[in-house]
N, C-alpha and C. Protein backbone atom coordinates (compact mmCIF):
# COMPACT_ATOMS: atom_id res chain seq x y z
N MET A 1 0.85 -1.18 0.00
CA MET A 1 0.00 0.00 0.00
C MET A 1 0.89 1.24 0.00
N LYS A 2 0.53 2.21 -0.82
CA LYS A 2 1.25 3.48 -0.89
C LYS A 2 0.31 4.59 -0.41
N VAL A 3 0.80 5.39 0.54
CA VAL A 3 -0.03 6.37 1.24
C VAL A 3 0.56 7.77 1.10
N LEU A 4 -0.33 8.75 0.93
CA LEU A 4 0.05 10.15 0.96
C LEU A 4 -0.54 10.76 2.22
N LEU A 5 0.32 11.26 3.10
CA LEU A 5 -0.10 11.91 4.35
C LEU A 5 0.04 13.41 4.19
N VAL A 6 -1.03 14.16 4.48
CA VAL A 6 -0.98 15.61 4.33
C VAL A 6 -1.57 16.27 5.59
N ASP A 7 -0.71 17.01 6.27
CA ASP A 7 -1.12 17.72 7.49
C ASP A 7 -0.14 18.85 7.69
N ASP A 8 -0.61 20.01 8.11
CA ASP A 8 0.28 21.14 8.32
C ASP A 8 1.14 20.99 9.58
N GLU A 9 0.91 19.95 10.35
CA GLU A 9 1.75 19.67 11.53
C GLU A 9 2.85 18.70 11.11
N GLU A 10 4.04 19.25 10.84
CA GLU A 10 5.14 18.44 10.32
C GLU A 10 5.52 17.30 11.27
N GLU A 11 5.53 17.55 12.55
CA GLU A 11 5.89 16.49 13.50
C GLU A 11 4.94 15.29 13.38
N LEU A 12 3.67 15.58 13.17
CA LEU A 12 2.68 14.51 13.05
C LEU A 12 2.92 13.68 11.80
N VAL A 13 3.04 14.33 10.64
CA VAL A 13 3.16 13.55 9.40
C VAL A 13 4.49 12.81 9.31
N THR A 14 5.56 13.39 9.83
CA THR A 14 6.83 12.67 9.79
C THR A 14 6.80 11.46 10.72
N ALA A 15 6.20 11.62 11.89
CA ALA A 15 6.09 10.50 12.83
C ALA A 15 5.19 9.40 12.25
N LEU A 16 4.06 9.80 11.66
CA LEU A 16 3.18 8.80 11.05
C LEU A 16 3.87 8.06 9.92
N ALA A 17 4.57 8.79 9.06
CA ALA A 17 5.27 8.15 7.94
C ALA A 17 6.30 7.15 8.45
N GLU A 18 7.02 7.52 9.49
CA GLU A 18 8.03 6.63 10.05
C GLU A 18 7.37 5.38 10.66
N ARG A 19 6.32 5.59 11.42
CA ARG A 19 5.64 4.45 12.06
C ARG A 19 5.00 3.53 11.02
N LEU A 20 4.47 4.10 9.94
CA LEU A 20 3.91 3.27 8.88
C LEU A 20 5.00 2.47 8.17
N SER A 21 6.15 3.11 7.94
CA SER A 21 7.24 2.39 7.27
C SER A 21 7.73 1.21 8.10
N PHE A 22 7.71 1.35 9.43
CA PHE A 22 8.09 0.23 10.30
C PHE A 22 7.14 -0.95 10.13
N ARG A 23 5.93 -0.68 9.65
CA ARG A 23 4.92 -1.73 9.44
C ARG A 23 4.80 -2.13 7.97
N GLY A 24 5.79 -1.71 7.16
CA GLY A 24 5.83 -2.12 5.77
C GLY A 24 4.92 -1.34 4.84
N ILE A 25 4.47 -0.17 5.27
CA ILE A 25 3.60 0.66 4.45
C ILE A 25 4.41 1.85 3.94
N ASP A 26 4.42 2.03 2.63
CA ASP A 26 5.17 3.10 1.98
C ASP A 26 4.37 4.40 2.08
N ALA A 27 4.91 5.40 2.78
CA ALA A 27 4.18 6.65 2.99
C ALA A 27 5.05 7.84 2.63
N ASP A 28 4.50 8.72 1.79
CA ASP A 28 5.08 10.03 1.53
C ASP A 28 4.28 11.04 2.33
N TRP A 29 4.88 12.17 2.64
CA TRP A 29 4.17 13.16 3.44
C TRP A 29 4.40 14.56 2.91
N SER A 30 3.47 15.43 3.27
CA SER A 30 3.52 16.82 2.87
C SER A 30 2.88 17.66 3.97
N THR A 31 3.34 18.90 4.07
CA THR A 31 2.74 19.82 5.04
C THR A 31 1.89 20.89 4.37
N SER A 32 1.69 20.77 3.05
CA SER A 32 0.85 21.74 2.36
C SER A 32 0.12 21.08 1.19
N GLY A 33 -1.00 21.67 0.84
CA GLY A 33 -1.77 21.16 -0.28
C GLY A 33 -1.02 21.25 -1.59
N ASN A 34 -0.31 22.35 -1.81
CA ASN A 34 0.44 22.51 -3.07
C ASN A 34 1.53 21.45 -3.20
N GLU A 35 2.23 21.19 -2.12
CA GLU A 35 3.27 20.16 -2.12
C GLU A 35 2.64 18.78 -2.36
N ALA A 36 1.49 18.54 -1.77
CA ALA A 36 0.79 17.27 -1.96
C ALA A 36 0.40 17.07 -3.42
N LEU A 37 -0.05 18.13 -4.08
CA LEU A 37 -0.41 18.04 -5.49
C LEU A 37 0.81 17.68 -6.34
N LYS A 38 1.97 18.25 -6.01
CA LYS A 38 3.20 17.90 -6.73
C LYS A 38 3.54 16.42 -6.54
N LEU A 39 3.42 15.94 -5.32
CA LEU A 39 3.69 14.52 -5.05
C LEU A 39 2.73 13.62 -5.83
N ALA A 40 1.45 14.01 -5.87
CA ALA A 40 0.45 13.20 -6.56
C ALA A 40 0.65 13.20 -8.07
N ARG A 41 1.25 14.26 -8.60
CA ARG A 41 1.58 14.27 -10.04
C ARG A 41 2.71 13.29 -10.33
N ALA A 42 3.61 13.13 -9.39
CA ALA A 42 4.80 12.31 -9.60
C ALA A 42 4.62 10.85 -9.18
N HIS A 43 3.65 10.57 -8.31
CA HIS A 43 3.48 9.22 -7.75
C HIS A 43 2.01 8.83 -7.73
N THR A 44 1.79 7.53 -7.69
CA THR A 44 0.43 7.00 -7.56
C THR A 44 0.26 6.49 -6.13
N TYR A 45 -0.83 6.88 -5.50
CA TYR A 45 -1.12 6.48 -4.12
C TYR A 45 -2.43 5.71 -4.07
N ASP A 46 -2.49 4.76 -3.14
CA ASP A 46 -3.73 4.02 -2.91
C ASP A 46 -4.70 4.83 -2.07
N VAL A 47 -4.15 5.58 -1.11
CA VAL A 47 -4.99 6.33 -0.18
C VAL A 47 -4.26 7.61 0.23
N ALA A 48 -5.06 8.67 0.41
CA ALA A 48 -4.55 9.93 0.94
C ALA A 48 -5.21 10.17 2.29
N VAL A 49 -4.39 10.52 3.27
CA VAL A 49 -4.87 10.85 4.61
C VAL A 49 -4.68 12.36 4.75
N LEU A 50 -5.80 13.10 4.78
CA LEU A 50 -5.77 14.55 4.68
C LEU A 50 -6.34 15.22 5.93
N ASP A 51 -5.60 16.19 6.45
CA ASP A 51 -6.12 17.04 7.52
C ASP A 51 -7.20 17.93 6.91
N ILE A 52 -8.31 18.11 7.58
CA ILE A 52 -9.39 18.94 7.04
C ILE A 52 -8.99 20.42 7.04
N LYS A 53 -8.43 20.89 8.15
CA LYS A 53 -8.12 22.32 8.27
C LYS A 53 -6.63 22.55 8.09
N MET A 54 -6.30 23.13 6.93
CA MET A 54 -4.92 23.50 6.65
C MET A 54 -4.92 24.89 6.02
N PRO A 55 -3.81 25.62 6.15
CA PRO A 55 -3.74 26.94 5.51
C PRO A 55 -3.71 26.79 3.98
N ASN A 56 -4.19 27.79 3.30
CA ASN A 56 -4.19 27.90 1.84
C ASN A 56 -5.17 26.96 1.15
N ILE A 57 -4.96 25.66 1.25
CA ILE A 57 -5.87 24.70 0.62
C ILE A 57 -6.38 23.77 1.71
N SER A 58 -7.69 23.77 1.94
CA SER A 58 -8.24 22.87 2.96
C SER A 58 -8.14 21.42 2.47
N GLY A 59 -8.27 20.50 3.38
CA GLY A 59 -8.25 19.09 3.00
C GLY A 59 -9.36 18.73 2.03
N ILE A 60 -10.52 19.35 2.20
CA ILE A 60 -11.65 19.06 1.31
C ILE A 60 -11.37 19.59 -0.09
N ASP A 61 -10.82 20.81 -0.19
CA ASP A 61 -10.47 21.35 -1.51
C ASP A 61 -9.34 20.54 -2.15
N LEU A 62 -8.40 20.12 -1.34
CA LEU A 62 -7.30 19.29 -1.85
C LEU A 62 -7.83 17.98 -2.41
N LYS A 63 -8.76 17.36 -1.70
CA LYS A 63 -9.35 16.11 -2.18
C LYS A 63 -9.99 16.31 -3.55
N LYS A 64 -10.72 17.39 -3.73
CA LYS A 64 -11.37 17.65 -5.01
C LYS A 64 -10.35 17.79 -6.14
N ARG A 65 -9.23 18.42 -5.85
CA ARG A 65 -8.17 18.56 -6.87
C ARG A 65 -7.49 17.21 -7.14
N LEU A 66 -7.24 16.48 -6.08
CA LEU A 66 -6.59 15.18 -6.25
C LEU A 66 -7.47 14.20 -7.02
N GLU A 67 -8.77 14.25 -6.79
CA GLU A 67 -9.70 13.36 -7.48
C GLU A 67 -9.61 13.52 -9.00
N LYS A 68 -9.39 14.73 -9.46
CA LYS A 68 -9.26 14.98 -10.89
C LYS A 68 -7.99 14.32 -11.45
N MET A 69 -6.92 14.31 -10.66
CA MET A 69 -5.65 13.73 -11.09
C MET A 69 -5.62 12.22 -10.89
N ARG A 70 -6.16 11.77 -9.78
CA ARG A 70 -6.08 10.36 -9.38
C ARG A 70 -7.46 9.85 -8.97
N PRO A 71 -8.34 9.58 -9.93
CA PRO A 71 -9.72 9.22 -9.59
C PRO A 71 -9.87 7.92 -8.79
N ASP A 72 -8.88 7.05 -8.81
CA ASP A 72 -8.98 5.79 -8.07
C ASP A 72 -8.49 5.87 -6.63
N MET A 73 -7.87 6.98 -6.26
CA MET A 73 -7.33 7.12 -4.91
C MET A 73 -8.48 7.22 -3.90
N LYS A 74 -8.29 6.63 -2.73
CA LYS A 74 -9.26 6.69 -1.62
C LYS A 74 -8.81 7.78 -0.65
N TYR A 75 -9.74 8.18 0.24
CA TYR A 75 -9.46 9.31 1.13
C TYR A 75 -9.93 9.03 2.55
N ILE A 76 -9.10 9.50 3.49
CA ILE A 76 -9.43 9.50 4.91
C ILE A 76 -9.15 10.91 5.40
N PHE A 77 -10.10 11.50 6.12
CA PHE A 77 -9.89 12.83 6.67
C PHE A 77 -9.52 12.75 8.14
N LEU A 78 -8.67 13.70 8.55
CA LEU A 78 -8.26 13.85 9.95
C LEU A 78 -8.64 15.23 10.42
N THR A 79 -8.92 15.33 11.70
CA THR A 79 -9.07 16.64 12.32
C THR A 79 -8.63 16.56 13.77
N GLY A 80 -8.07 17.63 14.23
CA GLY A 80 -7.72 17.74 15.64
C GLY A 80 -8.81 18.44 16.41
N HIS A 81 -9.81 18.94 15.69
CA HIS A 81 -10.85 19.74 16.31
C HIS A 81 -12.04 18.90 16.72
N GLY A 82 -12.41 17.95 15.90
CA GLY A 82 -13.50 17.04 16.24
C GLY A 82 -14.86 17.70 16.33
N SER A 83 -15.02 18.84 15.65
CA SER A 83 -16.31 19.53 15.72
C SER A 83 -17.34 18.80 14.86
N GLU A 84 -18.59 19.05 15.15
CA GLU A 84 -19.68 18.46 14.36
C GLU A 84 -19.58 18.92 12.91
N GLU A 85 -19.20 20.17 12.69
CA GLU A 85 -19.06 20.70 11.33
C GLU A 85 -17.96 19.94 10.57
N ASP A 86 -16.82 19.73 11.22
CA ASP A 86 -15.74 18.96 10.60
C ASP A 86 -16.19 17.55 10.29
N PHE A 87 -16.92 16.95 11.22
CA PHE A 87 -17.38 15.59 11.00
C PHE A 87 -18.30 15.51 9.79
N ARG A 88 -19.24 16.43 9.69
CA ARG A 88 -20.16 16.43 8.54
C ARG A 88 -19.39 16.64 7.25
N ALA A 89 -18.46 17.58 7.23
CA ALA A 89 -17.69 17.85 6.02
C ALA A 89 -16.83 16.64 5.65
N GLY A 90 -16.16 16.07 6.62
CA GLY A 90 -15.29 14.93 6.36
C GLY A 90 -16.05 13.69 5.95
N SER A 91 -17.13 13.40 6.63
CA SER A 91 -17.86 12.17 6.33
C SER A 91 -18.56 12.28 4.98
N ALA A 92 -18.89 13.48 4.54
CA ALA A 92 -19.51 13.64 3.23
C ALA A 92 -18.50 13.48 2.10
N GLU A 93 -17.24 13.76 2.38
CA GLU A 93 -16.22 13.77 1.33
C GLU A 93 -15.29 12.55 1.33
N ALA A 94 -15.23 11.81 2.40
CA ALA A 94 -14.24 10.73 2.49
C ALA A 94 -14.90 9.44 2.94
N SER A 95 -14.19 8.35 2.68
CA SER A 95 -14.66 7.05 3.14
C SER A 95 -14.64 6.97 4.66
N GLN A 96 -13.65 7.60 5.27
CA GLN A 96 -13.50 7.55 6.71
C GLN A 96 -13.08 8.91 7.25
N TYR A 97 -13.31 9.09 8.54
CA TYR A 97 -13.02 10.33 9.23
C TYR A 97 -12.46 9.96 10.59
N LEU A 98 -11.26 10.43 10.90
CA LEU A 98 -10.62 10.10 12.18
C LEU A 98 -10.25 11.39 12.92
N VAL A 99 -10.32 11.32 14.25
CA VAL A 99 -9.99 12.46 15.10
C VAL A 99 -8.60 12.25 15.69
N LYS A 100 -7.78 13.32 15.66
CA LYS A 100 -6.46 13.27 16.29
C LYS A 100 -6.63 13.44 17.79
N PRO A 101 -5.76 12.89 18.61
CA PRO A 101 -4.58 12.12 18.25
C PRO A 101 -4.96 10.73 17.72
N LEU A 102 -4.16 10.26 16.79
CA LEU A 102 -4.44 9.00 16.12
C LEU A 102 -3.80 7.82 16.82
N ASP A 103 -4.49 6.72 16.80
CA ASP A 103 -3.92 5.43 17.18
C ASP A 103 -3.43 4.83 15.87
N ILE A 104 -2.14 4.53 15.76
CA ILE A 104 -1.56 4.05 14.50
C ILE A 104 -2.23 2.78 14.01
N GLU A 105 -2.62 1.91 14.93
CA GLU A 105 -3.27 0.66 14.52
C GLU A 105 -4.66 0.94 13.93
N VAL A 106 -5.37 1.90 14.48
CA VAL A 106 -6.68 2.28 13.94
C VAL A 106 -6.49 2.89 12.55
N LEU A 107 -5.48 3.72 12.39
CA LEU A 107 -5.21 4.31 11.07
C LEU A 107 -4.91 3.23 10.04
N ILE A 108 -4.05 2.29 10.39
CA ILE A 108 -3.70 1.21 9.45
C ILE A 108 -4.93 0.38 9.11
N GLU A 109 -5.71 0.03 10.09
CA GLU A 109 -6.93 -0.75 9.85
C GLU A 109 -7.89 0.03 8.94
N THR A 110 -8.04 1.31 9.19
CA THR A 110 -8.92 2.15 8.39
C THR A 110 -8.41 2.25 6.95
N MET A 111 -7.10 2.42 6.78
CA MET A 111 -6.54 2.48 5.42
C MET A 111 -6.81 1.18 4.67
N ARG A 112 -6.62 0.07 5.34
CA ARG A 112 -6.88 -1.23 4.69
C ARG A 112 -8.35 -1.38 4.33
N GLU A 113 -9.24 -0.92 5.19
CA GLU A 113 -10.67 -1.00 4.92
C GLU A 113 -11.06 -0.22 3.65
N VAL A 114 -10.50 0.97 3.48
CA VAL A 114 -10.88 1.78 2.32
C VAL A 114 -10.18 1.32 1.03
N VAL A 115 -8.98 0.76 1.17
CA VAL A 115 -8.24 0.32 -0.02
C VAL A 115 -8.68 -1.07 -0.47
N GLU A 116 -8.95 -1.95 0.48
CA GLU A 116 -9.31 -3.34 0.17
C GLU A 116 -10.68 -3.66 0.75
N PRO A 117 -11.75 -3.06 0.20
CA PRO A 117 -13.08 -3.28 0.80
C PRO A 117 -13.56 -4.71 0.70
């Protein structure tokens, strides 16, 4: 499985990428929507894990752009806020919606669920 992690919290995405690699999952990461778009142009991903609230390009807007480039990619949204509004936005746009802080095992299980239904 190849994963694209996008969150404006660099410590979070680097730690997640490292922990996923320890479990045999190939993960690239980005701290901005524009950088994520560049990665998606250069690589094919099975799933993108996107923070909903990011500066410049929100996770929801990023998903819409990525869908045009990679229509087969699946999506999981993250939020640290856990508001009802975030939940509604995330659940309407993605297969899954998770609240930070993340349990790595729950993230891996969720990624497998959306990639291998």
